[in-house]
N, C-alpha and C. Protein backbone atom coordinates (compact mmCIF):
# COMPACT_ATOMS: atom_id res chain seq x y z
N MET A 1 -21.66 -12.80 -14.25
CA MET A 1 -21.36 -12.35 -13.10
C MET A 1 -19.80 -11.26 -13.24
N PRO A 2 -19.50 -10.45 -12.72
CA PRO A 2 -18.10 -9.89 -12.59
C PRO A 2 -17.20 -10.46 -11.77
N ASP A 3 -16.01 -10.37 -12.36
CA ASP A 3 -14.76 -11.24 -11.60
C ASP A 3 -14.56 -10.10 -10.60
N ASN A 4 -13.53 -10.39 -9.51
CA ASN A 4 -13.42 -9.86 -8.31
C ASN A 4 -12.71 -8.82 -8.66
N ALA A 5 -11.86 -8.57 -9.58
CA ALA A 5 -11.00 -7.38 -10.12
C ALA A 5 -12.31 -6.06 -10.31
N GLU A 6 -13.22 -6.43 -10.92
CA GLU A 6 -14.29 -5.53 -10.97
C GLU A 6 -14.92 -4.97 -9.86
N PHE A 7 -15.28 -5.98 -8.94
CA PHE A 7 -15.81 -5.68 -7.74
C PHE A 7 -14.89 -4.41 -6.95
N ILE A 8 -13.57 -5.11 -6.97
CA ILE A 8 -12.60 -4.05 -6.23
C ILE A 8 -12.41 -2.62 -6.84
N ILE A 9 -12.64 -2.62 -8.21
CA ILE A 9 -12.55 -1.46 -8.83
C ILE A 9 -13.90 -0.48 -8.27
N ARG A 10 -15.12 -1.08 -8.37
CA ARG A 10 -16.32 -0.78 -7.92
C ARG A 10 -16.23 -0.31 -6.44
N ARG A 11 -15.65 -0.90 -5.42
CA ARG A 11 -15.44 -0.54 -4.00
C ARG A 11 -14.77 0.63 -3.73
N GLY A 12 -13.40 0.74 -4.51
CA GLY A 12 -12.78 2.18 -4.94
C GLY A 12 -13.38 3.10 -5.29
N VAL A 13 -14.28 2.97 -6.34
CA VAL A 13 -15.23 4.22 -6.66
C VAL A 13 -16.36 4.44 -5.76
N LEU A 14 -16.68 3.54 -4.94
CA LEU A 14 -17.75 4.02 -4.14
C LEU A 14 -17.01 4.62 -2.80
N LYS A 15 -15.80 4.39 -2.68
CA LYS A 15 -15.18 4.84 -1.59
C LYS A 15 -14.90 6.41 -1.90
N GLY A 16 -14.42 6.74 -3.18
CA GLY A 16 -14.18 7.99 -3.71
C GLY A 16 -15.43 8.93 -3.54
N LYS A 17 -16.75 8.43 -3.93
CA LYS A 17 -17.91 9.15 -3.89
C LYS A 17 -18.35 9.22 -2.46
N LEU A 18 -17.81 8.29 -1.40
CA LEU A 18 -18.38 8.77 -0.06
C LEU A 18 -17.20 9.79 0.51
N THR A 19 -15.98 9.82 0.07
CA THR A 19 -14.96 10.72 0.54
C THR A 19 -15.36 11.97 0.11
N ARG A 20 -15.79 12.25 -1.20
CA ARG A 20 -16.04 13.49 -2.08
C ARG A 20 -17.24 14.14 -1.17
N THR A 21 -18.48 13.53 -1.34
CA THR A 21 -19.83 13.88 -0.56
C THR A 21 -19.25 14.36 0.74
N ILE A 22 -18.73 13.74 1.93
CA ILE A 22 -18.10 14.12 3.16
C ILE A 22 -17.48 15.27 3.22
N ASN A 23 -16.21 15.48 2.19
CA ASN A 23 -15.50 16.44 2.10
C ASN A 23 -16.25 17.77 1.76
N SER A 24 -17.17 17.48 0.61
CA SER A 24 -18.02 18.76 0.21
C SER A 24 -19.06 19.46 1.30
N THR A 25 -19.55 18.44 2.23
CA THR A 25 -20.24 18.65 3.05
C THR A 25 -19.55 19.37 4.20
N LYS A 26 -18.28 19.11 4.65
CA LYS A 26 -17.54 19.83 5.45
C LYS A 26 -17.21 21.13 5.04
N VAL A 27 -16.88 21.25 3.76
CA VAL A 27 -16.41 22.52 3.36
C VAL A 27 -17.50 23.38 3.53
N ASN A 28 -18.55 23.10 3.05
CA ASN A 28 -19.82 23.94 2.90
C ASN A 28 -20.68 24.01 3.95
N SER A 29 -20.16 23.42 5.14
CA SER A 29 -20.99 23.33 6.35
C SER A 29 -21.99 24.72 6.60
N GLU A 30 -21.31 25.62 6.47
CA GLU A 30 -22.18 26.82 7.21
C GLU A 30 -23.06 27.46 5.86
N ASN A 31 -23.15 27.11 5.02
CA ASN A 31 -24.10 27.36 3.59
C ASN A 31 -24.90 26.60 3.12
N ILE A 32 -25.16 25.46 4.00
CA ILE A 32 -26.11 24.38 3.56
C ILE A 32 -27.39 24.26 4.31
N ASP A 33 -28.36 24.20 3.44
CA ASP A 33 -29.85 24.16 3.77
C ASP A 33 -30.17 22.82 4.16
N SER A 34 -31.40 22.39 4.82
CA SER A 34 -31.58 21.49 4.95
C SER A 34 -32.24 20.47 3.84
N VAL A 35 -32.57 20.75 2.70
CA VAL A 35 -32.92 20.05 1.55
C VAL A 35 -31.49 19.27 1.14
N ILE A 36 -30.33 20.32 1.33
CA ILE A 36 -29.10 19.57 0.36
C ILE A 36 -28.75 18.60 1.43
N ILE A 37 -28.66 18.88 2.77
CA ILE A 37 -28.27 17.92 3.75
C ILE A 37 -28.78 16.68 3.50
N LYS A 38 -30.42 16.47 3.38
CA LYS A 38 -31.16 15.45 3.06
C LYS A 38 -30.73 14.69 1.80
N ALA A 39 -30.37 15.57 0.89
CA ALA A 39 -30.21 14.85 -0.37
C ALA A 39 -28.75 14.11 -0.05
N ARG A 40 -27.81 15.00 0.21
CA ARG A 40 -26.30 13.86 0.67
C ARG A 40 -26.50 13.06 1.87
N ARG A 41 -27.49 12.97 2.54
CA ARG A 41 -27.45 11.92 3.32
C ARG A 41 -28.37 10.86 2.72
N ASP A 42 -29.40 11.08 1.99
CA ASP A 42 -29.86 9.90 1.08
C ASP A 42 -28.93 9.40 0.21
N LYS A 43 -28.13 10.16 -0.48
CA LYS A 43 -26.80 9.71 -1.39
C LYS A 43 -25.60 8.93 -0.63
N LEU A 44 -25.41 9.31 1.03
CA LEU A 44 -24.42 8.40 1.60
C LEU A 44 -25.06 7.00 1.91
N GLU A 45 -26.35 6.83 2.12
CA GLU A 45 -27.08 5.76 2.47
C GLU A 45 -26.80 4.80 1.44
N GLU A 46 -27.14 5.31 0.20
CA GLU A 46 -27.09 4.89 -1.44
C GLU A 46 -25.83 4.17 -1.44
N ILE A 47 -24.67 4.95 -1.00
CA ILE A 47 -23.42 4.51 -1.44
C ILE A 47 -23.14 3.43 -0.48
N TRP A 48 -23.61 3.51 0.82
CA TRP A 48 -23.18 2.55 2.13
C TRP A 48 -23.76 1.06 1.55
N ARG A 49 -25.39 1.21 0.80
CA ARG A 49 -25.93 -0.22 0.30
C ARG A 49 -25.05 -0.70 -0.69
N GLU A 50 -24.36 0.38 -1.67
CA GLU A 50 -23.79 -0.04 -2.74
C GLU A 50 -22.43 -1.15 -2.19
N PHE A 51 -21.64 -0.26 -1.21
CA PHE A 51 -20.48 -0.88 -0.65
C PHE A 51 -20.76 -2.03 0.08
N LYS A 52 -21.88 -2.12 0.95
CA LYS A 52 -22.18 -3.40 1.51
C LYS A 52 -22.37 -4.77 0.70
N GLN A 53 -23.04 -4.28 -0.45
CA GLN A 53 -23.22 -5.51 -1.38
C GLN A 53 -21.94 -5.51 -2.25
N THR A 54 -21.17 -4.83 -2.52
CA THR A 54 -19.86 -5.04 -3.25
C THR A 54 -18.79 -5.82 -2.34
N GLN A 55 -18.57 -5.26 -1.20
CA GLN A 55 -17.67 -6.02 -0.27
C GLN A 55 -18.13 -7.47 -0.21
N SER A 56 -19.11 -7.55 0.23
CA SER A 56 -19.85 -8.97 0.48
C SER A 56 -19.32 -9.95 -0.83
N GLU A 57 -19.75 -9.51 -1.91
CA GLU A 57 -19.15 -10.31 -3.06
C GLU A 57 -17.58 -10.29 -3.04
N ILE A 58 -16.93 -9.26 -3.10
CA ILE A 58 -15.46 -9.67 -2.75
C ILE A 58 -15.32 -10.56 -1.76
N GLU A 59 -15.94 -10.40 -0.59
CA GLU A 59 -15.39 -11.51 0.29
C GLU A 59 -15.76 -12.71 0.35
N GLU A 60 -16.88 -13.04 -0.65
CA GLU A 60 -17.33 -14.60 -1.04
C GLU A 60 -16.45 -15.20 -1.79
N GLU A 61 -15.96 -14.28 -2.90
CA GLU A 61 -15.09 -14.23 -4.09
C GLU A 61 -13.66 -14.79 -3.68
N ALA A 62 -13.30 -14.25 -2.30
CA ALA A 62 -11.61 -14.40 -1.92
C ALA A 62 -11.59 -14.25 -0.48
N PRO A 63 -12.46 -15.66 0.13
CA PRO A 63 -12.27 -15.69 1.49
C PRO A 63 -10.85 -15.69 2.13
N ASP A 64 -9.96 -16.02 1.35
CA ASP A 64 -8.42 -16.17 1.66
C ASP A 64 -7.97 -15.10 2.10
N LEU A 65 -8.37 -13.93 1.48
CA LEU A 65 -7.79 -12.54 1.60
C LEU A 65 -8.85 -11.70 2.70
N SER A 66 -9.10 -12.39 3.41
CA SER A 66 -10.53 -11.99 4.44
C SER A 66 -9.60 -10.64 5.48
N GLU A 67 -8.65 -10.92 5.59
CA GLU A 67 -7.89 -9.78 6.58
C GLU A 67 -7.87 -8.52 5.84
N GLU A 68 -7.03 -8.72 4.45
CA GLU A 68 -7.13 -7.29 3.93
C GLU A 68 -8.58 -6.70 3.41
N HIS A 69 -9.35 -7.44 3.11
CA HIS A 69 -10.62 -6.89 2.90
C HIS A 69 -11.52 -6.57 4.15
N GLU A 70 -11.37 -7.17 5.26
CA GLU A 70 -11.90 -6.64 6.62
C GLU A 70 -11.30 -5.22 6.84
N ALA A 71 -9.86 -5.05 6.66
CA ALA A 71 -9.18 -3.63 6.73
C ALA A 71 -9.73 -2.73 5.98
N TYR A 72 -10.16 -3.08 4.51
CA TYR A 72 -10.73 -2.10 3.70
C TYR A 72 -12.31 -1.53 4.44
N ARG A 73 -12.75 -2.64 4.53
CA ARG A 73 -14.25 -2.45 5.31
C ARG A 73 -14.19 -1.69 6.46
N SER A 74 -13.08 -1.71 7.49
CA SER A 74 -12.98 -0.68 8.26
C SER A 74 -12.83 0.37 8.17
N GLU A 75 -11.82 0.71 7.27
CA GLU A 75 -11.51 1.90 6.66
C GLU A 75 -12.72 2.44 6.14
N PHE A 76 -13.57 2.04 5.32
CA PHE A 76 -14.84 2.70 4.53
C PHE A 76 -15.75 3.26 5.89
N GLU A 77 -15.85 1.94 6.70
CA GLU A 77 -17.09 2.35 7.98
C GLU A 77 -16.51 3.68 8.74
N GLU A 78 -15.05 3.85 8.95
CA GLU A 78 -14.55 4.86 9.78
C GLU A 78 -15.22 6.20 8.91
N LEU A 79 -14.77 6.14 7.78
CA LEU A 79 -15.41 7.55 7.02
C LEU A 79 -16.81 7.47 7.12
N TYR A 80 -17.66 6.43 7.00
CA TYR A 80 -18.91 6.49 6.99
C TYR A 80 -19.64 6.97 8.01
N PHE A 81 -19.37 6.34 9.14
CA PHE A 81 -19.78 6.65 10.59
C PHE A 81 -18.86 7.44 11.27
């Protein structure tokens, strides 16, 4: 099982993917067709599932840092939703 540092790194990678996908959609919003929108939506849903799993692992491994992890979760959710 990976240690908490690996989960934290993974969480950062997922946040980067989320940010890039959202920014790419915003920049090209006028030239996007429905197929691309569906593909990006599917990708965002995949990122969200991976994030929830990774975040849960982090919170289980370090419950003493729950405020810090909850803040990260909230920030991610603000981007996603």
